[in-house]
Amino acid sequence: MILGIGTDLANIERVARTLDRFGDRFRHRVFTETELRKAARRRDEAGTLAKRWAAKEACSKALGTGLRMGISWRDMAVSNLHTGQPVMALTGWAADRLDAMTPAGFQAVVHVSLTDDHPWAQAFVVIAAHPIVVRA
């Protein structure tokens, strides 16, 4: 069953201007070390971070809260599997919110999709609940 859906569109040039203006203060307020390492290896750091910004916004919408009620930017972290597929891990208040919205007997899975076409970065997040199967 679907528990939540969120989407967001971020302007890469706006993120680049924010990076220029606030630098590491912005980086460390919003992004995890894993996200920052990935972006630093990319030619388009701003584009990489814009996609992750959009994913965090989309996730907060899928959680049904937006960025309020104690959620932190860094409570939502995007990384990639070895195949390149993006995945999102939740910690802190975001993880607590996910647990609260997941019905008993189900396990929540956060699906994330990222794309960009300069100057836009877009993310979709779908939170699904799958029944926990107990095998005898």
N, C-alpha and C. Protein backbone atom coordinates (compact mmCIF):
# COMPACT_ATOMS: atom_id res chain seq x y z
N MET A 1 0.84 -1.17 0.00
CA MET A 1 0.00 0.00 0.00
C MET A 1 0.88 1.24 0.00
N ILE A 2 0.39 2.30 -0.60
CA ILE A 2 1.14 3.56 -0.64
C ILE A 2 0.77 4.39 0.58
N LEU A 3 1.79 4.82 1.31
CA LEU A 3 1.59 5.65 2.50
C LEU A 3 1.74 7.13 2.19
N GLY A 4 2.56 7.46 1.19
CA GLY A 4 2.78 8.86 0.87
C GLY A 4 3.51 9.03 -0.44
N ILE A 5 3.23 10.15 -1.11
CA ILE A 5 3.88 10.51 -2.37
C ILE A 5 4.29 11.97 -2.27
N GLY A 6 5.49 12.27 -2.74
CA GLY A 6 5.96 13.65 -2.75
C GLY A 6 6.79 13.92 -3.99
N THR A 7 6.78 15.15 -4.43
CA THR A 7 7.60 15.56 -5.57
C THR A 7 8.12 16.96 -5.31
N ASP A 8 9.23 17.29 -5.93
CA ASP A 8 9.76 18.65 -5.82
C ASP A 8 10.61 18.95 -7.05
N LEU A 9 10.65 20.21 -7.39
CA LEU A 9 11.43 20.73 -8.51
C LEU A 9 12.35 21.81 -7.95
N ALA A 10 13.65 21.67 -8.17
CA ALA A 10 14.62 22.64 -7.66
C ALA A 10 15.37 23.27 -8.83
N ASN A 11 15.69 24.54 -8.69
CA ASN A 11 16.45 25.25 -9.70
C ASN A 11 17.94 25.12 -9.39
N ILE A 12 18.68 24.49 -10.28
CA ILE A 12 20.11 24.24 -10.07
C ILE A 12 20.88 25.55 -9.92
N GLU A 13 20.54 26.55 -10.70
CA GLU A 13 21.24 27.84 -10.63
C GLU A 13 21.01 28.52 -9.28
N ARG A 14 19.82 28.37 -8.72
CA ARG A 14 19.55 28.92 -7.39
C ARG A 14 20.40 28.22 -6.33
N VAL A 15 20.51 26.90 -6.45
CA VAL A 15 21.36 26.15 -5.51
C VAL A 15 22.82 26.60 -5.67
N ALA A 16 23.28 26.80 -6.91
CA ALA A 16 24.65 27.26 -7.14
C ALA A 16 24.89 28.63 -6.50
N ARG A 17 23.92 29.53 -6.62
CA ARG A 17 24.05 30.86 -5.99
C ARG A 17 24.09 30.74 -4.47
N THR A 18 23.30 29.84 -3.93
CA THR A 18 23.28 29.62 -2.47
C THR A 18 24.62 29.05 -2.01
N LEU A 19 25.19 28.13 -2.79
CA LEU A 19 26.52 27.59 -2.48
C LEU A 19 27.57 28.70 -2.51
N ASP A 20 27.50 29.56 -3.51
CA ASP A 20 28.45 30.67 -3.61
C ASP A 20 28.32 31.62 -2.42
N ARG A 21 27.09 31.87 -2.01
CA ARG A 21 26.85 32.86 -0.95
C ARG A 21 27.15 32.32 0.44
N PHE A 22 26.70 31.06 0.73
CA PHE A 22 26.79 30.53 2.09
C PHE A 22 27.79 29.39 2.25
N GLY A 23 28.28 28.83 1.14
CA GLY A 23 29.33 27.83 1.17
C GLY A 23 29.07 26.67 2.11
N ASP A 24 30.08 26.38 2.95
CA ASP A 24 30.01 25.21 3.82
C ASP A 24 28.89 25.32 4.86
N ARG A 25 28.53 26.53 5.24
CA ARG A 25 27.42 26.68 6.21
C ARG A 25 26.15 26.06 5.64
N PHE A 26 25.87 26.33 4.38
CA PHE A 26 24.71 25.74 3.71
C PHE A 26 24.91 24.23 3.52
N ARG A 27 26.06 23.84 3.02
CA ARG A 27 26.34 22.43 2.76
C ARG A 27 26.09 21.58 4.01
N HIS A 28 26.65 22.00 5.14
CA HIS A 28 26.59 21.18 6.34
C HIS A 28 25.27 21.30 7.09
N ARG A 29 24.49 22.31 6.79
CA ARG A 29 23.16 22.43 7.40
C ARG A 29 22.15 21.50 6.72
N VAL A 30 22.34 21.27 5.42
CA VAL A 30 21.34 20.54 4.63
C VAL A 30 21.76 19.12 4.27
N PHE A 31 23.02 18.89 3.99
CA PHE A 31 23.46 17.62 3.41
C PHE A 31 24.32 16.81 4.36
N THR A 32 24.25 15.48 4.22
CA THR A 32 25.07 14.58 5.01
C THR A 32 26.47 14.50 4.40
N GLU A 33 27.40 13.95 5.14
CA GLU A 33 28.77 13.80 4.64
C GLU A 33 28.79 12.93 3.38
N THR A 34 28.00 11.88 3.34
CA THR A 34 27.93 11.01 2.16
C THR A 34 27.46 11.79 0.94
N GLU A 35 26.43 12.61 1.12
CA GLU A 35 25.92 13.43 0.01
C GLU A 35 26.97 14.43 -0.46
N LEU A 36 27.68 15.03 0.48
CA LEU A 36 28.69 16.02 0.13
C LEU A 36 29.87 15.38 -0.59
N ARG A 37 30.29 14.18 -0.15
CA ARG A 37 31.40 13.49 -0.84
C ARG A 37 31.03 13.17 -2.28
N LYS A 38 29.79 12.70 -2.49
CA LYS A 38 29.35 12.38 -3.85
C LYS A 38 29.36 13.64 -4.72
N ALA A 39 28.82 14.73 -4.20
CA ALA A 39 28.75 15.98 -4.96
C ALA A 39 30.14 16.51 -5.28
N ALA A 40 31.07 16.37 -4.34
CA ALA A 40 32.43 16.88 -4.55
C ALA A 40 33.15 16.14 -5.67
N ARG A 41 32.77 14.89 -5.92
CA ARG A 41 33.39 14.10 -6.99
C ARG A 41 32.79 14.42 -8.36
N ARG A 42 31.70 15.15 -8.39
CA ARG A 42 31.00 15.44 -9.64
C ARG A 42 31.44 16.76 -10.23
N ARG A 43 31.40 16.83 -11.56
CA ARG A 43 31.71 18.08 -12.26
C ARG A 43 30.67 19.14 -11.92
N ASP A 44 29.42 18.72 -11.77
CA ASP A 44 28.31 19.64 -11.48
C ASP A 44 27.85 19.45 -10.04
N GLU A 45 28.63 20.01 -9.11
CA GLU A 45 28.29 19.87 -7.68
C GLU A 45 26.90 20.43 -7.40
N ALA A 46 26.60 21.60 -7.95
CA ALA A 46 25.30 22.23 -7.68
C ALA A 46 24.15 21.36 -8.20
N GLY A 47 24.30 20.75 -9.36
CA GLY A 47 23.26 19.88 -9.90
C GLY A 47 23.05 18.65 -9.04
N THR A 48 24.14 18.07 -8.57
CA THR A 48 24.05 16.89 -7.70
C THR A 48 23.35 17.25 -6.39
N LEU A 49 23.72 18.38 -5.81
CA LEU A 49 23.08 18.79 -4.55
C LEU A 49 21.64 19.23 -4.78
N ALA A 50 21.34 19.84 -5.91
CA ALA A 50 19.96 20.26 -6.19
C ALA A 50 19.03 19.04 -6.26
N LYS A 51 19.51 17.95 -6.86
CA LYS A 51 18.68 16.74 -6.91
C LYS A 51 18.43 16.22 -5.50
N ARG A 52 19.44 16.27 -4.65
CA ARG A 52 19.27 15.78 -3.28
C ARG A 52 18.39 16.72 -2.47
N TRP A 53 18.51 18.01 -2.71
CA TRP A 53 17.60 18.99 -2.08
C TRP A 53 16.16 18.66 -2.46
N ALA A 54 15.92 18.46 -3.75
CA ALA A 54 14.56 18.14 -4.22
C ALA A 54 14.07 16.84 -3.59
N ALA A 55 14.95 15.85 -3.43
CA ALA A 55 14.55 14.58 -2.82
C ALA A 55 14.15 14.77 -1.36
N LYS A 56 14.86 15.61 -0.64
CA LYS A 56 14.52 15.87 0.76
C LYS A 56 13.16 16.58 0.86
N GLU A 57 12.94 17.55 -0.01
CA GLU A 57 11.64 18.24 -0.04
C GLU A 57 10.53 17.25 -0.37
N ALA A 58 10.75 16.42 -1.39
CA ALA A 58 9.75 15.43 -1.80
C ALA A 58 9.48 14.44 -0.68
N CYS A 59 10.51 14.01 0.01
CA CYS A 59 10.34 13.06 1.11
C CYS A 59 9.53 13.68 2.24
N SER A 60 9.83 14.94 2.57
CA SER A 60 9.07 15.58 3.65
C SER A 60 7.59 15.69 3.28
N LYS A 61 7.29 15.87 2.02
CA LYS A 61 5.90 15.90 1.56
C LYS A 61 5.27 14.51 1.64
N ALA A 62 6.04 13.49 1.26
CA ALA A 62 5.52 12.12 1.33
C ALA A 62 5.27 11.71 2.78
N LEU A 63 6.05 12.26 3.70
CA LEU A 63 5.83 11.99 5.12
C LEU A 63 4.61 12.73 5.65
N GLY A 64 4.08 13.65 4.84
CA GLY A 64 2.86 14.36 5.21
C GLY A 64 3.09 15.56 6.10
N THR A 65 4.33 16.04 6.16
CA THR A 65 4.62 17.14 7.06
C THR A 65 5.20 18.37 6.38
N GLY A 66 5.86 18.18 5.26
CA GLY A 66 6.69 19.26 4.76
C GLY A 66 7.83 19.43 5.74
N LEU A 67 8.58 20.49 5.61
CA LEU A 67 9.71 20.71 6.52
C LEU A 67 9.26 21.49 7.75
N ARG A 68 8.55 20.77 8.60
CA ARG A 68 8.10 21.35 9.87
C ARG A 68 8.00 20.22 10.87
N MET A 69 7.48 20.49 12.01
CA MET A 69 7.27 19.48 13.05
C MET A 69 8.57 18.80 13.48
N GLY A 70 9.70 19.52 13.44
CA GLY A 70 10.94 18.98 13.95
C GLY A 70 11.80 18.22 12.97
N ILE A 71 11.34 18.10 11.73
CA ILE A 71 12.14 17.36 10.74
C ILE A 71 13.38 18.17 10.38
N SER A 72 14.48 17.49 10.21
CA SER A 72 15.74 18.13 9.85
C SER A 72 16.13 17.70 8.44
N TRP A 73 16.76 18.60 7.71
CA TRP A 73 17.22 18.28 6.37
C TRP A 73 18.09 17.03 6.39
N ARG A 74 18.94 16.94 7.40
CA ARG A 74 19.89 15.83 7.46
C ARG A 74 19.26 14.54 7.96
N ASP A 75 17.99 14.57 8.37
CA ASP A 75 17.26 13.34 8.74
C ASP A 75 16.88 12.52 7.50
N MET A 76 17.06 13.10 6.33
CA MET A 76 16.74 12.43 5.06
C MET A 76 18.01 12.44 4.22
N ALA A 77 18.54 11.27 3.91
CA ALA A 77 19.84 11.19 3.23
C ALA A 77 19.74 10.34 1.98
N VAL A 78 20.22 10.89 0.87
CA VAL A 78 20.22 10.17 -0.41
C VAL A 78 21.61 9.60 -0.65
N SER A 79 21.65 8.33 -0.98
CA SER A 79 22.90 7.70 -1.41
C SER A 79 22.55 6.87 -2.65
N ASN A 80 23.51 6.13 -3.15
CA ASN A 80 23.27 5.33 -4.34
C ASN A 80 23.77 3.91 -4.12
N LEU A 81 23.01 2.96 -4.65
CA LEU A 81 23.47 1.58 -4.68
C LEU A 81 24.60 1.48 -5.68
N HIS A 82 25.33 0.37 -5.69
CA HIS A 82 26.43 0.21 -6.64
C HIS A 82 25.95 0.26 -8.09
N THR A 83 24.65 0.03 -8.31
CA THR A 83 24.07 0.10 -9.65
C THR A 83 23.79 1.54 -10.07
N GLY A 84 23.88 2.48 -9.12
CA GLY A 84 23.57 3.87 -9.39
C GLY A 84 22.18 4.28 -8.92
N GLN A 85 21.35 3.30 -8.59
CA GLN A 85 19.99 3.60 -8.14
C GLN A 85 20.03 4.42 -6.85
N PRO A 86 19.30 5.55 -6.82
CA PRO A 86 19.27 6.33 -5.59
C PRO A 86 18.39 5.65 -4.54
N VAL A 87 18.82 5.77 -3.30
CA VAL A 87 18.04 5.26 -2.16
C VAL A 87 18.04 6.34 -1.09
N MET A 88 17.02 6.32 -0.25
CA MET A 88 16.92 7.31 0.80
C MET A 88 16.82 6.63 2.15
N ALA A 89 17.65 7.07 3.08
CA ALA A 89 17.61 6.58 4.45
C ALA A 89 17.08 7.69 5.35
N LEU A 90 16.24 7.31 6.30
CA LEU A 90 15.67 8.28 7.23
C LEU A 90 16.20 8.01 8.63
N THR A 91 16.51 9.08 9.34
CA THR A 91 16.95 8.99 10.72
C THR A 91 16.18 10.04 11.53
N GLY A 92 16.42 10.05 12.81
CA GLY A 92 15.83 11.08 13.67
C GLY A 92 14.32 11.17 13.56
N TRP A 93 13.83 12.42 13.53
CA TRP A 93 12.40 12.64 13.51
C TRP A 93 11.75 12.07 12.26
N ALA A 94 12.43 12.12 11.13
CA ALA A 94 11.86 11.57 9.89
C ALA A 94 11.61 10.07 10.04
N ALA A 95 12.55 9.36 10.66
CA ALA A 95 12.37 7.92 10.89
C ALA A 95 11.23 7.68 11.88
N ASP A 96 11.13 8.53 12.91
CA ASP A 96 10.03 8.40 13.86
C ASP A 96 8.69 8.61 13.18
N ARG A 97 8.61 9.61 12.31
CA ARG A 97 7.37 9.88 11.57
C ARG A 97 7.02 8.71 10.67
N LEU A 98 8.03 8.14 9.99
CA LEU A 98 7.80 6.99 9.12
C LEU A 98 7.27 5.81 9.93
N ASP A 99 7.86 5.55 11.09
CA ASP A 99 7.38 4.47 11.95
C ASP A 99 5.93 4.70 12.38
N ALA A 100 5.61 5.94 12.71
CA ALA A 100 4.25 6.26 13.18
C ALA A 100 3.21 6.09 12.08
N MET A 101 3.58 6.30 10.83
CA MET A 101 2.60 6.19 9.75
C MET A 101 2.55 4.81 9.12
N THR A 102 3.41 3.89 9.58
CA THR A 102 3.45 2.53 9.04
C THR A 102 2.55 1.63 9.87
N PRO A 103 1.55 1.01 9.25
CA PRO A 103 0.64 0.14 10.01
C PRO A 103 1.36 -1.07 10.61
N ALA A 104 0.82 -1.56 11.71
CA ALA A 104 1.37 -2.76 12.34
C ALA A 104 1.34 -3.91 11.33
N GLY A 105 2.38 -4.71 11.34
CA GLY A 105 2.46 -5.84 10.43
C GLY A 105 3.01 -5.49 9.05
N PHE A 106 3.44 -4.24 8.87
CA PHE A 106 3.97 -3.78 7.59
C PHE A 106 5.36 -3.19 7.79
N GLN A 107 6.13 -3.19 6.72
CA GLN A 107 7.44 -2.56 6.71
C GLN A 107 7.43 -1.48 5.64
N ALA A 108 7.86 -0.28 6.00
CA ALA A 108 7.88 0.83 5.05
C ALA A 108 9.13 0.77 4.18
N VAL A 109 8.95 1.14 2.91
CA VAL A 109 10.05 1.24 1.95
C VAL A 109 9.94 2.61 1.28
N VAL A 110 11.06 3.34 1.26
CA VAL A 110 11.08 4.66 0.63
C VAL A 110 11.73 4.51 -0.75
N HIS A 111 10.96 4.81 -1.79
CA HIS A 111 11.47 4.78 -3.16
C HIS A 111 11.74 6.22 -3.60
N VAL A 112 12.86 6.44 -4.27
CA VAL A 112 13.20 7.78 -4.73
C VAL A 112 13.68 7.72 -6.17
N SER A 113 13.27 8.72 -6.95
CA SER A 113 13.71 8.86 -8.33
C SER A 113 14.18 10.29 -8.53
N LEU A 114 15.37 10.44 -9.13
CA LEU A 114 15.97 11.76 -9.35
C LEU A 114 16.21 11.97 -10.84
N THR A 115 16.07 13.21 -11.28
CA THR A 115 16.41 13.56 -12.66
C THR A 115 16.80 15.03 -12.71
N ASP A 116 17.52 15.40 -13.76
CA ASP A 116 17.82 16.81 -13.96
C ASP A 116 17.96 17.10 -15.44
N ASP A 117 17.60 18.31 -15.79
CA ASP A 117 17.77 18.86 -17.13
C ASP A 117 17.98 20.35 -16.90
N HIS A 118 19.24 20.75 -16.92
CA HIS A 118 19.61 22.11 -16.53
C HIS A 118 18.65 23.14 -17.12
N PRO A 119 18.12 24.02 -16.30
CA PRO A 119 18.48 24.37 -14.94
C PRO A 119 17.61 23.69 -13.86
N TRP A 120 16.94 22.61 -14.18
CA TRP A 120 16.01 22.00 -13.23
C TRP A 120 16.50 20.65 -12.72
N ALA A 121 16.22 20.39 -11.44
CA ALA A 121 16.44 19.10 -10.81
C ALA A 121 15.10 18.69 -10.21
N GLN A 122 14.73 17.43 -10.37
CA GLN A 122 13.43 16.98 -9.91
C GLN A 122 13.58 15.66 -9.16
N ALA A 123 12.71 15.48 -8.17
CA ALA A 123 12.70 14.23 -7.41
C ALA A 123 11.26 13.81 -7.14
N PHE A 124 11.06 12.50 -7.14
CA PHE A 124 9.81 11.89 -6.72
C PHE A 124 10.13 10.92 -5.60
N VAL A 125 9.29 10.91 -4.57
CA VAL A 125 9.43 9.95 -3.47
C VAL A 125 8.08 9.28 -3.25
N VAL A 126 8.12 7.97 -3.20
CA VAL A 126 6.93 7.18 -2.88
C VAL A 126 7.28 6.34 -1.67
N ILE A 127 6.45 6.45 -0.63
CA ILE A 127 6.63 5.61 0.54
C ILE A 127 5.55 4.53 0.49
N ALA A 128 6.01 3.28 0.46
CA ALA A 128 5.11 2.14 0.37
C ALA A 128 5.25 1.30 1.63
N ALA A 129 4.19 0.57 1.95
CA ALA A 129 4.22 -0.37 3.08
C ALA A 129 3.97 -1.76 2.53
N HIS A 130 4.89 -2.67 2.86
CA HIS A 130 4.78 -4.06 2.42
C HIS A 130 4.50 -4.94 3.63
N PRO A 131 3.61 -5.92 3.50
CA PRO A 131 3.33 -6.81 4.64
C PRO A 131 4.59 -7.55 5.05
N ILE A 132 4.77 -7.69 6.33
CA ILE A 132 5.88 -8.49 6.86
C ILE A 132 5.43 -9.94 6.79
N VAL A 133 6.21 -10.74 6.08
CA VAL A 133 5.87 -12.15 5.90
C VAL A 133 6.71 -12.98 6.87
N VAL A 134 6.03 -13.73 7.70
CA VAL A 134 6.71 -14.61 8.64
C VAL A 134 6.71 -16.00 8.06
N ARG A 135 7.88 -16.54 7.85
CA ARG A 135 8.00 -17.87 7.28
C ARG A 135 8.18 -18.89 8.40
N ALA A 136 7.49 -20.00 8.24
CA ALA A 136 7.57 -21.05 9.28
C ALA A 136 8.77 -21.94 9.08
